Amino acid sequence: MTDEDKALLETIGLRFRAKRNDLYYSLRDLSHLTGISTGTLNGIEKGKDLTLTNFLTLCRSLEIQPTVFFQHDIVFNSPYSLPPDAQERITLSKKLDDLVYHSDFFHSARRVSEVLVQLGIDKSQSNKFSVYLTNYCEEGALVYQQHGNYKTYRKKKVNKKD
């Protein structure tokens, strides 16, 4: 957990405690209202143990709108990065989506090998891309035709009504 997240959770906990005190509720009173144990409530008020479910339950029970806690934008920076294979998969998925949905490439029937050449991908990936293209067929974006031991893929023709 980042220092920013710890500080935010502590601030949220302090706000819950302040509201509980304003209502003259003890931890036990709040526990009866929420079904959350007094130990967990104590931890939440100290900036620990807060789940989204408990957060929402406390907001409802203490009549606090969740937006009160998030008046400022949070900084978008993930504490970890994706592994290289995931980054590569995402990049390839975007490129393939562009070919399928935003280009004329599949207006004519295409073999997997043509797709690989278009994307600059090694032919050793052909089985994987065959699966990807089959998924587009299942989604209804492409259709395939079997030609002996290979398939061709093209955009599904849309019937236009006049």
C-alpha atoms as a PDB file:
ATOM      1  CA  MET A   1       0.000   0.000   0.000  1.00  0.00           C
ATOM      2  CA  THR A   2       1.321   3.406  -0.921  1.00  0.00           C
ATOM      3  CA  ASP A   3       1.805   6.209   1.597  1.00  0.00           C
ATOM      4  CA  GLU A   4      -0.900   8.178  -0.239  1.00  0.00           C
ATOM      5  CA  ASP A   5      -3.366   5.306   0.213  1.00  0.00           C
ATOM      6  CA  LYS A   6      -2.494   4.978   3.910  1.00  0.00           C
ATOM      7  CA  ALA A   7      -3.065   8.696   4.415  1.00  0.00           C
ATOM      8  CA  LEU A   8      -6.391   8.546   2.567  1.00  0.00           C
ATOM      9  CA  LEU A   9      -7.598   5.571   4.633  1.00  0.00           C
ATOM     10  CA  GLU A  10      -6.593   7.351   7.849  1.00  0.00           C
ATOM     11  CA  THR A  11      -8.528  10.455   6.749  1.00  0.00           C
ATOM     12  CA  ILE A  12     -11.591   8.347   5.938  1.00  0.00           C
ATOM     13  CA  GLY A  13     -11.332   6.600   9.307  1.00  0.00           C
ATOM     14  CA  LEU A  14     -11.094   9.907  11.146  1.00  0.00           C
ATOM     15  CA  ARG A  15     -14.164  11.215   9.317  1.00  0.00           C
ATOM     16  CA  PHE A  16     -16.141   8.110  10.253  1.00  0.00           C
ATOM     17  CA  ARG A  17     -15.052   8.509  13.893  1.00  0.00           C
ATOM     18  CA  ALA A  18     -15.957  12.220  13.914  1.00  0.00           C
ATOM     19  CA  LYS A  19     -19.420  11.508  12.505  1.00  0.00           C
ATOM     20  CA  ARG A  20     -19.941   8.646  14.974  1.00  0.00           C
ATOM     21  CA  ASN A  21     -18.989  10.964  17.834  1.00  0.00           C
ATOM     22  CA  ASP A  22     -21.265  13.741  16.494  1.00  0.00           C
ATOM     23  CA  LEU A  23     -24.132  11.253  16.707  1.00  0.00           C
ATOM     24  CA  TYR A  24     -23.046  10.184  20.230  1.00  0.00           C
ATOM     25  CA  TYR A  25     -22.701   6.581  19.046  1.00  0.00           C
ATOM     26  CA  SER A  26     -20.323   4.231  20.782  1.00  0.00           C
ATOM     27  CA  LEU A  27     -18.441   1.639  18.727  1.00  0.00           C
ATOM     28  CA  ARG A  28     -20.932  -0.898  20.062  1.00  0.00           C
ATOM     29  CA  ASP A  29     -23.870   1.253  18.899  1.00  0.00           C
ATOM     30  CA  LEU A  30     -22.376   1.504  15.429  1.00  0.00           C
ATOM     31  CA  SER A  31     -21.687  -2.216  15.435  1.00  0.00           C
ATOM     32  CA  HIS A  32     -25.387  -2.855  16.130  1.00  0.00           C
ATOM     33  CA  LEU A  33     -26.360  -0.561  13.240  1.00  0.00           C
ATOM     34  CA  THR A  34     -23.918  -1.997  10.730  1.00  0.00           C
ATOM     35  CA  GLY A  35     -23.271  -5.603  11.697  1.00  0.00           C
ATOM     36  CA  ILE A  36     -19.543  -4.817  11.647  1.00  0.00           C
ATOM     37  CA  SER A  37     -17.620  -5.961  14.725  1.00  0.00           C
ATOM     38  CA  THR A  38     -16.321  -3.328  17.144  1.00  0.00           C
ATOM     39  CA  GLY A  39     -12.770  -4.527  16.489  1.00  0.00           C
ATOM     40  CA  THR A  40     -13.143  -3.983  12.761  1.00  0.00           C
ATOM     41  CA  LEU A  41     -14.782  -0.601  13.311  1.00  0.00           C
ATOM     42  CA  ASN A  42     -11.895   0.401  15.575  1.00  0.00           C
ATOM     43  CA  GLY A  43      -9.445  -0.626  12.835  1.00  0.00           C
ATOM     44  CA  ILE A  44     -11.372   1.313  10.190  1.00  0.00           C
ATOM     45  CA  GLU A  45     -11.295   4.438  12.320  1.00  0.00           C
ATOM     46  CA  LYS A  46      -7.512   4.012  12.546  1.00  0.00           C
ATOM     47  CA  GLY A  47      -7.184   3.694   8.768  1.00  0.00           C
ATOM     48  CA  LYS A  48      -7.037  -0.097   8.543  1.00  0.00           C
ATOM     49  CA  ASP A  49      -9.306  -2.973   7.511  1.00  0.00           C
ATOM     50  CA  LEU A  50     -11.594  -0.918   5.257  1.00  0.00           C
ATOM     51  CA  THR A  51     -13.351  -2.899   2.544  1.00  0.00           C
ATOM     52  CA  LEU A  52     -15.663  -1.356  -0.020  1.00  0.00           C
ATOM     53  CA  THR A  53     -18.613  -3.199   1.522  1.00  0.00           C
ATOM     54  CA  ASN A  54     -17.820  -1.832   4.987  1.00  0.00           C
ATOM     55  CA  PHE A  55     -17.249   1.639   3.530  1.00  0.00           C
ATOM     56  CA  LEU A  56     -20.699   1.670   1.928  1.00  0.00           C
ATOM     57  CA  THR A  57     -22.354   0.197   5.027  1.00  0.00           C
ATOM     58  CA  LEU A  58     -20.804   2.900   7.208  1.00  0.00           C
ATOM     59  CA  CYS A  59     -21.780   5.647   4.762  1.00  0.00           C
ATOM     60  CA  ARG A  60     -25.396   4.460   4.856  1.00  0.00           C
ATOM     61  CA  SER A  61     -25.496   3.976   8.617  1.00  0.00           C
ATOM     62  CA  LEU A  62     -23.853   7.306   9.420  1.00  0.00           C
ATOM     63  CA  GLU A  63     -25.709   9.109   6.602  1.00  0.00           C
ATOM     64  CA  ILE A  64     -22.559  10.276   4.835  1.00  0.00           C
ATOM     65  CA  GLN A  65     -22.473  10.619   1.057  1.00  0.00           C
ATOM     66  CA  PRO A  66     -19.400   8.789  -0.326  1.00  0.00           C
ATOM     67  CA  THR A  67     -18.504  11.838  -2.429  1.00  0.00           C
ATOM     68  CA  VAL A  68     -17.586  13.668   0.783  1.00  0.00           C
ATOM     69  CA  PHE A  69     -14.505  11.467   1.023  1.00  0.00           C
ATOM     70  CA  PHE A  70     -13.383  11.999  -2.555  1.00  0.00           C
ATOM     71  CA  GLN A  71     -13.592  15.715  -3.243  1.00  0.00           C
ATOM     72  CA  HIS A  72     -10.162  15.693  -4.883  1.00  0.00           C
ATOM     73  CA  ASP A  73      -9.007  13.578  -7.783  1.00  0.00           C
ATOM     74  CA  ILE A  74      -6.684  10.725  -6.977  1.00  0.00           C
ATOM     75  CA  VAL A  75      -3.391  10.339  -8.800  1.00  0.00           C
ATOM     76  CA  PHE A  76      -3.506   7.540 -11.348  1.00  0.00           C
ATOM     77  CA  ASN A  77      -0.317   5.597 -10.902  1.00  0.00           C
ATOM     78  CA  SER A  78      -0.452   1.883 -10.404  1.00  0.00           C
ATOM     79  CA  PRO A  79       2.099   0.666  -7.855  1.00  0.00           C
ATOM     80  CA  TYR A  80       3.152  -2.159 -10.186  1.00  0.00           C
ATOM     81  CA  SER A  81       3.573  -2.623 -13.919  1.00  0.00           C
ATOM     82  CA  LEU A  82       2.267  -5.355 -16.150  1.00  0.00           C
ATOM     83  CA  PRO A  83       4.700  -8.116 -17.094  1.00  0.00           C
ATOM     84  CA  PRO A  84       6.122  -7.874 -20.635  1.00  0.00           C
ATOM     85  CA  ASP A  85       4.003 -10.758 -21.957  1.00  0.00           C
ATOM     86  CA  ALA A  86       0.807  -9.024 -20.788  1.00  0.00           C
ATOM     87  CA  GLN A  87       1.925  -5.726 -22.322  1.00  0.00           C
ATOM     88  CA  GLU A  88       2.622  -7.516 -25.609  1.00  0.00           C
ATOM     89  CA  ARG A  89      -0.761  -9.290 -25.523  1.00  0.00           C
ATOM     90  CA  ILE A  90      -2.582  -6.000 -24.935  1.00  0.00           C
ATOM     91  CA  THR A  91      -0.684  -4.258 -27.740  1.00  0.00           C
ATOM     92  CA  LEU A  92      -1.454  -7.095 -30.153  1.00  0.00           C
ATOM     93  CA  SER A  93      -5.110  -7.157 -29.099  1.00  0.00           C
ATOM     94  CA  LYS A  94      -5.412  -3.435 -29.839  1.00  0.00           C
ATOM     95  CA  LYS A  95      -3.778  -3.866 -33.251  1.00  0.00           C
ATOM     96  CA  LEU A  96      -6.031  -6.796 -34.081  1.00  0.00           C
ATOM     97  CA  ASP A  97      -9.118  -4.867 -32.926  1.00  0.00           C
ATOM     98  CA  ASP A  98      -8.089  -2.007 -35.207  1.00  0.00           C
ATOM     99  CA  LEU A  99      -7.806  -4.417 -38.140  1.00  0.00           C
ATOM    100  CA  VAL A 100     -11.175  -6.008 -37.435  1.00  0.00           C
ATOM    101  CA  TYR A 101     -13.248  -2.991 -36.439  1.00  0.00           C
ATOM    102  CA  HIS A 102     -11.538   0.066 -37.909  1.00  0.00           C
ATOM    103  CA  SER A 103     -10.062  -0.944 -41.256  1.00  0.00           C
ATOM    104  CA  ASP A 104     -11.015  -2.463 -44.580  1.00  0.00           C
ATOM    105  CA  PHE A 105      -8.525  -5.304 -44.137  1.00  0.00           C
ATOM    106  CA  PHE A 106     -11.170  -7.994 -43.584  1.00  0.00           C
ATOM    107  CA  HIS A 107     -13.502  -6.789 -46.333  1.00  0.00           C
ATOM    108  CA  SER A 108     -11.912  -9.551 -48.365  1.00  0.00           C
ATOM    109  CA  ALA A 109     -11.261 -13.056 -47.061  1.00  0.00           C
ATOM    110  CA  ARG A 110      -7.928 -13.349 -45.218  1.00  0.00           C
ATOM    111  CA  ARG A 111      -5.852 -16.265 -44.016  1.00  0.00           C
ATOM    112  CA  VAL A 112      -4.177 -16.210 -40.621  1.00  0.00           C
ATOM    113  CA  SER A 113      -0.809 -15.910 -42.349  1.00  0.00           C
ATOM    114  CA  GLU A 114      -1.936 -12.652 -44.001  1.00  0.00           C
ATOM    115  CA  VAL A 115      -3.027 -11.261 -40.651  1.00  0.00           C
ATOM    116  CA  LEU A 116       0.357 -12.106 -39.152  1.00  0.00           C
ATOM    117  CA  VAL A 117       2.189 -10.364 -42.007  1.00  0.00           C
ATOM    118  CA  GLN A 118      -0.060  -7.300 -41.670  1.00  0.00           C
ATOM    119  CA  LEU A 119       0.681  -7.087 -37.943  1.00  0.00           C
ATOM    120  CA  GLY A 120       4.383  -7.914 -38.317  1.00  0.00           C
ATOM    121  CA  ILE A 121       4.120 -11.034 -36.177  1.00  0.00           C
ATOM    122  CA  ASP A 122       6.153 -14.230 -36.493  1.00  0.00           C
ATOM    123  CA  LYS A 123       4.325 -17.120 -38.156  1.00  0.00           C
ATOM    124  CA  SER A 124       4.985 -19.273 -35.074  1.00  0.00           C
ATOM    125  CA  GLN A 125       2.043 -17.372 -33.534  1.00  0.00           C
ATOM    126  CA  SER A 126      -0.438 -18.657 -36.122  1.00  0.00           C
ATOM    127  CA  ASN A 127      -2.256 -21.074 -33.794  1.00  0.00           C
ATOM    128  CA  LYS A 128      -2.779 -18.353 -31.205  1.00  0.00           C
ATOM    129  CA  PHE A 129      -4.104 -15.961 -33.848  1.00  0.00           C
ATOM    130  CA  SER A 130      -6.389 -18.604 -35.263  1.00  0.00           C
ATOM    131  CA  VAL A 131      -7.985 -18.769 -31.808  1.00  0.00           C
ATOM    132  CA  TYR A 132      -8.188 -14.951 -31.624  1.00  0.00           C
ATOM    133  CA  LEU A 133      -9.897 -14.783 -35.019  1.00  0.00           C
ATOM    134  CA  THR A 134     -12.314 -17.532 -34.042  1.00  0.00           C
ATOM    135  CA  ASN A 135     -13.269 -15.405 -31.015  1.00  0.00           C
ATOM    136  CA  TYR A 136     -14.130 -12.526 -33.353  1.00  0.00           C
ATOM    137  CA  CYS A 137     -16.324 -14.960 -35.279  1.00  0.00           C
ATOM    138  CA  GLU A 138     -18.100 -15.963 -32.074  1.00  0.00           C
ATOM    139  CA  GLU A 139     -18.671 -12.264 -31.294  1.00  0.00           C
ATOM    140  CA  GLY A 140     -20.204 -11.822 -34.756  1.00  0.00           C
ATOM    141  CA  ALA A 141     -17.576  -9.402 -36.104  1.00  0.00           C
ATOM    142  CA  LEU A 142     -16.068 -11.922 -38.545  1.00  0.00           C
ATOM    143  CA  VAL A 143     -17.150 -15.062 -40.335  1.00  0.00           C
ATOM    144  CA  TYR A 144     -14.908 -17.859 -41.521  1.00  0.00           C
ATOM    145  CA  GLN A 145     -14.919 -20.334 -44.343  1.00  0.00           C
ATOM    146  CA  GLN A 146     -13.106 -23.662 -44.190  1.00  0.00           C
ATOM    147  CA  HIS A 147     -10.842 -24.446 -47.189  1.00  0.00           C
ATOM    148  CA  GLY A 148      -9.388 -27.904 -46.632  1.00  0.00           C
ATOM    149  CA  ASN A 149      -6.812 -27.505 -43.874  1.00  0.00           C
ATOM    150  CA  TYR A 150      -7.083 -23.709 -43.457  1.00  0.00           C
ATOM    151  CA  LYS A 151      -9.719 -21.056 -42.847  1.00  0.00           C
ATOM    152  CA  THR A 152     -10.261 -17.618 -44.284  1.00  0.00           C
ATOM    153  CA  TYR A 153     -11.822 -14.817 -42.275  1.00  0.00           C
ATOM    154  CA  ARG A 154     -13.753 -11.783 -43.452  1.00  0.00           C
ATOM    155  CA  LYS A 155     -16.112  -9.185 -42.031  1.00  0.00           C
ATOM    156  CA  LYS A 156     -19.644 -10.307 -41.633  1.00  0.00           C
ATOM    157  CA  LYS A 157     -21.816  -8.849 -44.375  1.00  0.00           C
ATOM    158  CA  VAL A 158     -24.618  -6.661 -43.091  1.00  0.00           C
ATOM    159  CA  ASN A 159     -27.935  -6.848 -44.879  1.00  0.00           C
ATOM    160  CA  LYS A 160     -29.138  -3.319 -45.586  1.00  0.00           C
ATOM    161  CA  LYS A 161     -32.851  -2.727 -45.636  1.00  0.00           C
ATOM    162  CA  ASP A 162     -34.108   0.038 -47.878  1.00  0.00           C
END
